[in-house]
Amino acid sequence: MLFVVQITLLVVVVKHIVCQTCLSNESKEDFDKSRKALTDVQENIGKVLIKLENDNKKTLDMFKKSLNTMGQKIKKLDTDFKVLGKDFRKTKWNKYNGHCYYYSSESVDWFMAERKCREIGGYNVKIDDKEENSNIAANKANSNNFYWIGLVDLKEGEWRWTYDQSKAVYTIWYSGYGAKGTASNCVLLHRSRTDWVDYNCLSSSQYICESNFCF
């Protein structure tokens, strides 16, 4: 901005000199050329300033738009969490060690159990250790029924949790189970015990969902 002021003053001085001083034709021509050159520089500086102002306005508008979009996404996320919280309270999840567990009252095949767990914000339960397994077994709503859990061996003998595809480190098989062959790829929690049986995935049974979030 200081540069623009200096150029402007120089143009004024040149005009003053031309008006007040008696110059030869050659000198006057040189002064006229210099004055025109300075005027052109001044005009170009003005154009550059206008362009910078326009570019800054565009950048500011884009920034405002991005902030507005981000605000809308945060608002939607907040609404989704509120809805999820209501669903959790409505479906009566049980808390244990920072996780929540839901025991179904309906009987479905393993694939439908997995789908229904996802629909209510969870996944078919993953059991990591003896303590978790004992707690889950103790809280079954109906001790006379089997419950699907999220363990499968789609590759025979390689038991993995569907939640994160990790290999099972902890297992507790009922006597004679755990290697029943390709017709028994999904796992049930025993109805009256704490151990597991591998069974046909298309059979109907109740199921247990787990969520990493508790409300």
C-alpha atoms as a PDB file:
ATOM      1  CA  MET A   1       0.000   0.000   0.000  1.00  0.00           C
ATOM      2  CA  LEU A   2       2.937   2.319   0.781  1.00  0.00           C
ATOM      3  CA  PHE A   3       4.324   1.563  -2.658  1.00  0.00           C
ATOM      4  CA  VAL A   4       1.066   2.696  -4.278  1.00  0.00           C
ATOM      5  CA  VAL A   5       1.166   5.972  -2.303  1.00  0.00           C
ATOM      6  CA  GLN A   6       4.762   6.581  -3.394  1.00  0.00           C
ATOM      7  CA  ILE A   7       3.918   6.004  -7.069  1.00  0.00           C
ATOM      8  CA  THR A   8       0.931   8.353  -6.778  1.00  0.00           C
ATOM      9  CA  LEU A   9       3.087  11.111  -5.253  1.00  0.00           C
ATOM     10  CA  LEU A  10       5.690  10.647  -7.969  1.00  0.00           C
ATOM     11  CA  VAL A  11       3.027  11.086 -10.660  1.00  0.00           C
ATOM     12  CA  VAL A  12       1.863  14.294  -8.955  1.00  0.00           C
ATOM     13  CA  VAL A  13       5.439  15.603  -8.774  1.00  0.00           C
ATOM     14  CA  VAL A  14       6.026  14.867 -12.452  1.00  0.00           C
ATOM     15  CA  LYS A  15       2.811  16.713 -13.348  1.00  0.00           C
ATOM     16  CA  HIS A  16       3.924  19.678 -11.219  1.00  0.00           C
ATOM     17  CA  ILE A  17       7.338  19.816 -12.853  1.00  0.00           C
ATOM     18  CA  VAL A  18       5.841  19.716 -16.330  1.00  0.00           C
ATOM     19  CA  CYS A  19       3.460  22.556 -15.479  1.00  0.00           C
ATOM     20  CA  GLN A  20       5.962  24.792 -13.664  1.00  0.00           C
ATOM     21  CA  THR A  21       9.175  24.290 -15.598  1.00  0.00           C
ATOM     22  CA  CYS A  22      10.011  25.461 -19.047  1.00  0.00           C
ATOM     23  CA  LEU A  23      11.225  22.364 -20.904  1.00  0.00           C
ATOM     24  CA  SER A  24      12.564  21.725 -24.383  1.00  0.00           C
ATOM     25  CA  ASN A  25      10.417  19.648 -26.732  1.00  0.00           C
ATOM     26  CA  GLU A  26      12.761  16.684 -26.277  1.00  0.00           C
ATOM     27  CA  SER A  27      12.702  16.931 -22.494  1.00  0.00           C
ATOM     28  CA  LYS A  28       8.929  17.361 -22.460  1.00  0.00           C
ATOM     29  CA  GLU A  29       8.584  14.214 -24.573  1.00  0.00           C
ATOM     30  CA  ASP A  30      10.758  12.281 -22.115  1.00  0.00           C
ATOM     31  CA  PHE A  31       8.679  13.576 -19.209  1.00  0.00           C
ATOM     32  CA  ASP A  32       5.463  12.600 -20.984  1.00  0.00           C
ATOM     33  CA  LYS A  33       6.772   9.093 -21.585  1.00  0.00           C
ATOM     34  CA  SER A  34       7.854   8.781 -17.941  1.00  0.00           C
ATOM     35  CA  ARG A  35       4.501  10.068 -16.728  1.00  0.00           C
ATOM     36  CA  LYS A  36       2.646   7.575 -18.965  1.00  0.00           C
ATOM     37  CA  ALA A  37       4.844   4.740 -17.715  1.00  0.00           C
ATOM     38  CA  LEU A  38       4.127   5.694 -14.097  1.00  0.00           C
ATOM     39  CA  THR A  39       0.411   5.966 -14.842  1.00  0.00           C
ATOM     40  CA  ASP A  40       0.476   2.461 -16.396  1.00  0.00           C
ATOM     41  CA  VAL A  41       2.262   1.103 -13.310  1.00  0.00           C
ATOM     42  CA  GLN A  42      -0.342   2.730 -11.074  1.00  0.00           C
ATOM     43  CA  GLU A  43      -3.200   1.220 -13.101  1.00  0.00           C
ATOM     44  CA  ASN A  44      -1.575  -2.229 -13.033  1.00  0.00           C
ATOM     45  CA  ILE A  45      -1.130  -2.011  -9.262  1.00  0.00           C
ATOM     46  CA  GLY A  46      -4.798  -1.123  -8.955  1.00  0.00           C
ATOM     47  CA  LYS A  47      -5.762  -4.169 -11.050  1.00  0.00           C
ATOM     48  CA  VAL A  48      -3.544  -6.423  -8.924  1.00  0.00           C
ATOM     49  CA  LEU A  49      -5.120  -5.091  -5.722  1.00  0.00           C
ATOM     50  CA  ILE A  50      -8.638  -5.693  -7.095  1.00  0.00           C
ATOM     51  CA  LYS A  51      -7.678  -9.253  -8.103  1.00  0.00           C
ATOM     52  CA  LEU A  52      -6.200  -9.936  -4.658  1.00  0.00           C
ATOM     53  CA  GLU A  53      -9.364  -8.639  -3.011  1.00  0.00           C
ATOM     54  CA  ASN A  54     -11.507 -10.886  -5.255  1.00  0.00           C
ATOM     55  CA  ASP A  55      -9.282 -13.924  -4.603  1.00  0.00           C
ATOM     56  CA  ASN A  56      -9.412 -13.324  -0.864  1.00  0.00           C
ATOM     57  CA  LYS A  57     -13.197 -13.030  -1.026  1.00  0.00           C
ATOM     58  CA  LYS A  58     -13.425 -16.345  -2.919  1.00  0.00           C
ATOM     59  CA  THR A  59     -11.138 -18.025  -0.388  1.00  0.00           C
ATOM     60  CA  LEU A  60     -13.185 -16.637   2.491  1.00  0.00           C
ATOM     61  CA  ASP A  61     -16.438 -17.794   0.875  1.00  0.00           C
ATOM     62  CA  MET A  62     -15.009 -21.288   0.359  1.00  0.00           C
ATOM     63  CA  PHE A  63     -13.853 -21.383   3.986  1.00  0.00           C
ATOM     64  CA  LYS A  64     -17.294 -20.309   5.211  1.00  0.00           C
ATOM     65  CA  LYS A  65     -18.929 -22.969   3.021  1.00  0.00           C
ATOM     66  CA  SER A  66     -16.598 -25.678   4.383  1.00  0.00           C
ATOM     67  CA  LEU A  67     -17.319 -24.629   7.960  1.00  0.00           C
ATOM     68  CA  ASN A  68     -21.054 -24.694   7.284  1.00  0.00           C
ATOM     69  CA  THR A  69     -20.833 -28.197   5.752  1.00  0.00           C
ATOM     70  CA  MET A  70     -18.743 -29.403   8.697  1.00  0.00           C
ATOM     71  CA  GLY A  71     -21.260 -27.924  11.127  1.00  0.00           C
ATOM     72  CA  GLN A  72     -24.117 -29.757   9.407  1.00  0.00           C
ATOM     73  CA  LYS A  73     -22.202 -33.060   9.556  1.00  0.00           C
ATOM     74  CA  ILE A  74     -21.445 -32.587  13.265  1.00  0.00           C
ATOM     75  CA  LYS A  75     -25.120 -31.797  13.902  1.00  0.00           C
ATOM     76  CA  LYS A  76     -26.185 -34.966  12.044  1.00  0.00           C
ATOM     77  CA  LEU A  77     -23.633 -37.044  13.953  1.00  0.00           C
ATOM     78  CA  ASP A  78     -24.956 -35.655  17.239  1.00  0.00           C
ATOM     79  CA  THR A  79     -28.510 -36.557  16.174  1.00  0.00           C
ATOM     80  CA  ASP A  80     -27.382 -40.091  15.201  1.00  0.00           C
ATOM     81  CA  PHE A  81     -25.775 -40.582  18.618  1.00  0.00           C
ATOM     82  CA  LYS A  82     -28.940 -39.419  20.363  1.00  0.00           C
ATOM     83  CA  VAL A  83     -31.020 -41.902  18.330  1.00  0.00           C
ATOM     84  CA  LEU A  84     -28.499 -44.641  19.065  1.00  0.00           C
ATOM     85  CA  GLY A  85     -28.690 -43.819  22.751  1.00  0.00           C
ATOM     86  CA  LYS A  86     -32.489 -44.136  22.698  1.00  0.00           C
ATOM     87  CA  ASP A  87     -32.207 -47.490  20.903  1.00  0.00           C
ATOM     88  CA  PHE A  88     -29.760 -48.742  23.527  1.00  0.00           C
ATOM     89  CA  ARG A  89     -32.054 -47.814  26.384  1.00  0.00           C
ATOM     90  CA  LYS A  90     -35.071 -49.242  24.572  1.00  0.00           C
ATOM     91  CA  THR A  91     -33.458 -52.620  23.858  1.00  0.00           C
ATOM     92  CA  LYS A  92     -32.166 -53.002  27.441  1.00  0.00           C
ATOM     93  CA  TRP A  93     -28.456 -53.610  26.976  1.00  0.00           C
ATOM     94  CA  ASN A  94     -26.494 -55.059  29.897  1.00  0.00           C
ATOM     95  CA  LYS A  95     -23.209 -53.406  30.841  1.00  0.00           C
ATOM     96  CA  TYR A  96     -19.972 -55.252  31.586  1.00  0.00           C
ATOM     97  CA  ASN A  97     -16.382 -53.977  31.595  1.00  0.00           C
ATOM     98  CA  GLY A  98     -17.139 -50.946  29.376  1.00  0.00           C
ATOM     99  CA  HIS A  99     -19.106 -52.937  26.778  1.00  0.00           C
ATOM    100  CA  CYS A 100     -22.844 -53.590  26.385  1.00  0.00           C
ATOM    101  CA  TYR A 101     -24.648 -56.856  25.629  1.00  0.00           C
ATOM    102  CA  TYR A 102     -28.119 -57.507  24.275  1.00  0.00           C
ATOM    103  CA  TYR A 103     -29.884 -60.887  24.566  1.00  0.00           C
ATOM    104  CA  SER A 104     -32.534 -61.502  21.927  1.00  0.00           C
ATOM    105  CA  SER A 105     -35.906 -63.053  22.667  1.00  0.00           C
ATOM    106  CA  GLU A 106     -36.467 -64.230  19.090  1.00  0.00           C
ATOM    107  CA  SER A 107     -34.880 -67.223  17.347  1.00  0.00           C
ATOM    108  CA  VAL A 108     -33.235 -66.803  13.923  1.00  0.00           C
ATOM    109  CA  ASP A 109     -30.413 -68.392  11.911  1.00  0.00           C
ATOM    110  CA  TRP A 110     -26.836 -67.193  12.463  1.00  0.00           C
ATOM    111  CA  PHE A 111     -26.770 -64.884   9.420  1.00  0.00           C
ATOM    112  CA  MET A 112     -29.968 -63.121  10.466  1.00  0.00           C
ATOM    113  CA  ALA A 113     -28.574 -62.798  14.001  1.00  0.00           C
ATOM    114  CA  GLU A 114     -25.513 -61.023  12.618  1.00  0.00           C
ATOM    115  CA  ARG A 115     -27.722 -58.694  10.573  1.00  0.00           C
ATOM    116  CA  LYS A 116     -30.026 -57.853  13.472  1.00  0.00           C
ATOM    117  CA  CYS A 117     -27.096 -57.053  15.749  1.00  0.00           C
ATOM    118  CA  ARG A 118     -25.754 -54.600  13.155  1.00  0.00           C
ATOM    119  CA  GLU A 119     -29.169 -52.981  12.801  1.00  0.00           C
ATOM    120  CA  ILE A 120     -29.294 -52.052  16.493  1.00  0.00           C
ATOM    121  CA  GLY A 121     -25.743 -50.669  16.622  1.00  0.00           C
ATOM    122  CA  GLY A 122     -23.782 -53.764  17.666  1.00  0.00           C
ATOM    123  CA  TYR A 123     -22.319 -57.002  16.341  1.00  0.00           C
ATOM    124  CA  ASN A 124     -22.605 -60.714  17.113  1.00  0.00           C
ATOM    125  CA  VAL A 125     -20.800 -61.023  20.442  1.00  0.00           C
ATOM    126  CA  LYS A 126     -17.030 -61.514  20.565  1.00  0.00           C
ATOM    127  CA  ILE A 127     -15.798 -63.260  23.737  1.00  0.00           C
ATOM    128  CA  ASP A 128     -12.186 -62.581  24.688  1.00  0.00           C
ATOM    129  CA  ASP A 129     -11.650 -64.427  27.964  1.00  0.00           C
ATOM    130  CA  LYS A 130     -13.106 -66.722  30.637  1.00  0.00           C
ATOM    131  CA  GLU A 131     -14.395 -63.846  32.796  1.00  0.00           C
ATOM    132  CA  GLU A 132     -16.339 -62.281  29.939  1.00  0.00           C
ATOM    133  CA  ASN A 133     -17.747 -65.658  28.916  1.00  0.00           C
ATOM    134  CA  SER A 134     -18.875 -66.428  32.482  1.00  0.00           C
ATOM    135  CA  ASN A 135     -20.575 -63.032  32.808  1.00  0.00           C
ATOM    136  CA  ILE A 136     -22.392 -63.466  29.485  1.00  0.00           C
ATOM    137  CA  ALA A 137     -23.556 -66.958  30.397  1.00  0.00           C
ATOM    138  CA  ALA A 138     -24.772 -65.801  33.822  1.00  0.00           C
ATOM    139  CA  ASN A 139     -26.934 -63.045  32.303  1.00  0.00           C
ATOM    140  CA  LYS A 140     -28.768 -65.168  29.721  1.00  0.00           C
ATOM    141  CA  ALA A 141     -32.465 -64.357  29.829  1.00  0.00           C
ATOM    142  CA  ASN A 142     -33.389 -67.962  29.200  1.00  0.00           C
ATOM    143  CA  SER A 143     -31.063 -70.669  30.493  1.00  0.00           C
ATOM    144  CA  ASN A 144     -32.956 -73.338  28.507  1.00  0.00           C
ATOM    145  CA  ASN A 145     -31.986 -71.918  25.091  1.00  0.00           C
ATOM    146  CA  PHE A 146     -28.804 -71.803  23.051  1.00  0.00           C
ATOM    147  CA  TYR A 147     -27.479 -68.405  21.867  1.00  0.00           C
ATOM    148  CA  TRP A 148     -25.525 -67.579  18.709  1.00  0.00           C
ATOM    149  CA  ILE A 149     -22.154 -65.878  19.214  1.00  0.00           C
ATOM    150  CA  GLY A 150     -19.942 -64.256  16.559  1.00  0.00           C
ATOM    151  CA  LEU A 151     -17.476 -67.117  16.009  1.00  0.00           C
ATOM    152  CA  VAL A 152     -17.257 -68.989  12.661  1.00  0.00           C
ATOM    153  CA  ASP A 153     -14.823 -71.233  10.772  1.00  0.00           C
ATOM    154  CA  LEU A 154     -15.661 -70.590   7.125  1.00  0.00           C
ATOM    155  CA  LYS A 155     -12.183 -72.002   6.561  1.00  0.00           C
ATOM    156  CA  GLU A 156     -12.465 -75.323   8.348  1.00  0.00           C
ATOM    157  CA  GLY A 157     -10.690 -75.405  11.694  1.00  0.00           C
ATOM    158  CA  GLU A 158      -9.733 -71.693  11.608  1.00  0.00           C
ATOM    159  CA  TRP A 159     -12.071 -70.048  14.092  1.00  0.00           C
ATOM    160  CA  ARG A 160     -12.432 -66.279  13.650  1.00  0.00           C
ATOM    161  CA  TRP A 161     -14.597 -63.549  15.186  1.00  0.00           C
ATOM    162  CA  THR A 162     -16.769 -61.825  12.604  1.00  0.00           C
ATOM    163  CA  TYR A 163     -16.441 -58.451  14.392  1.00  0.00           C
ATOM    164  CA  ASP A 164     -12.783 -57.926  13.424  1.00  0.00           C
ATOM    165  CA  GLN A 165     -11.803 -61.212  11.697  1.00  0.00           C
ATOM    166  CA  SER A 166      -9.274 -61.953  14.456  1.00  0.00           C
ATOM    167  CA  LYS A 167      -8.440 -65.582  15.275  1.00  0.00           C
ATOM    168  CA  ALA A 168      -9.988 -66.883  18.473  1.00  0.00           C
ATOM    169  CA  VAL A 169      -7.442 -66.948  21.294  1.00  0.00           C
ATOM    170  CA  TYR A 170      -9.863 -68.075  23.987  1.00  0.00           C
ATOM    171  CA  THR A 171     -12.236 -71.012  23.316  1.00  0.00           C
ATOM    172  CA  ILE A 172     -14.229 -73.266  25.630  1.00  0.00           C
ATOM    173  CA  TRP A 173     -15.700 -76.191  23.676  1.00  0.00           C
ATOM    174  CA  TYR A 174     -18.285 -78.576  25.033  1.00  0.00           C
ATOM    175  CA  SER A 175     -16.954 -82.139  24.977  1.00  0.00           C
ATOM    176  CA  GLY A 176     -16.819 -83.487  21.417  1.00  0.00           C
ATOM    177  CA  TYR A 177     -17.405 -80.101  19.723  1.00  0.00           C
ATOM    178  CA  GLY A 178     -15.158 -77.587  17.971  1.00  0.00           C
ATOM    179  CA  ALA A 179     -14.345 -79.767  14.977  1.00  0.00           C
ATOM    180  CA  LYS A 180     -17.697 -81.000  13.676  1.00  0.00           C
ATOM    181  CA  GLY A 181     -16.843 -80.421  10.006  1.00  0.00           C
ATOM    182  CA  THR A 182     -18.038 -78.177   7.191  1.00  0.00           C
ATOM    183  CA  ALA A 183     -21.725 -78.555   8.082  1.00  0.00           C
ATOM    184  CA  SER A 184     -21.151 -76.895  11.474  1.00  0.00           C
ATOM    185  CA  ASN A 185     -19.445 -73.552  10.921  1.00  0.00           C
ATOM    186  CA  CYS A 186     -21.178 -71.305  13.488  1.00  0.00           C
ATOM    187  CA  VAL A 187     -21.001 -71.348  17.282  1.00  0.00           C
ATOM    188  CA  LEU A 188     -23.671 -71.441  19.984  1.00  0.00           C
ATOM    189  CA  LEU A 189     -23.315 -70.727  23.674  1.00  0.00           C
ATOM    190  CA  HIS A 190     -24.617 -73.838  25.482  1.00  0.00           C
ATOM    191  CA  ARG A 191     -28.089 -73.438  26.962  1.00  0.00           C
ATOM    192  CA  SER A 192     -27.301 -74.612  30.519  1.00  0.00           C
ATOM    193  CA  ARG A 193     -23.511 -74.299  30.652  1.00  0.00           C
ATOM    194  CA  THR A 194     -20.761 -71.789  29.846  1.00  0.00           C
ATOM    195  CA  ASP A 195     -19.116 -73.757  27.042  1.00  0.00           C
ATOM    196  CA  TRP A 196     -19.726 -73.705  23.264  1.00  0.00           C
ATOM    197  CA  VAL A 197     -20.852 -75.972  20.452  1.00  0.00           C
ATOM    198  CA  ASP A 198     -20.271 -75.612  16.703  1.00  0.00           C
ATOM    199  CA  TYR A 199     -23.511 -76.084  14.763  1.00  0.00           C
ATOM    200  CA  ASN A 200     -25.291 -75.628  11.438  1.00  0.00           C
ATOM    201  CA  CYS A 201     -25.488 -71.872  10.685  1.00  0.00           C
ATOM    202  CA  LEU A 202     -28.996 -72.189   9.240  1.00  0.00           C
ATOM    203  CA  SER A 203     -30.503 -73.523  12.459  1.00  0.00           C
ATOM    204  CA  SER A 204     -32.670 -71.146  14.489  1.00  0.00           C
ATOM    205  CA  SER A 205     -31.602 -69.918  17.889  1.00  0.00           C
ATOM    206  CA  GLN A 206     -31.540 -66.813  20.043  1.00  0.00           C
ATOM    207  CA  TYR A 207     -28.471 -64.562  19.802  1.00  0.00           C
ATOM    208  CA  ILE A 208     -26.300 -62.154  21.791  1.00  0.00           C
ATOM    209  CA  CYS A 209     -25.183 -58.764  20.452  1.00  0.00           C
ATOM    210  CA  GLU A 210     -22.267 -56.719  21.761  1.00  0.00           C
ATOM    211  CA  SER A 211     -21.453 -53.016  21.415  1.00  0.00           C
ATOM    212  CA  ASN A 212     -18.310 -51.067  22.278  1.00  0.00           C
ATOM    213  CA  PHE A 213     -20.440 -48.065  23.317  1.00  0.00           C
ATOM    214  CA  CYS A 214     -22.634 -47.840  26.389  1.00  0.00           C
ATOM    215  CA  PHE A 215     -25.218 -45.170  27.242  1.00  0.00           C
END
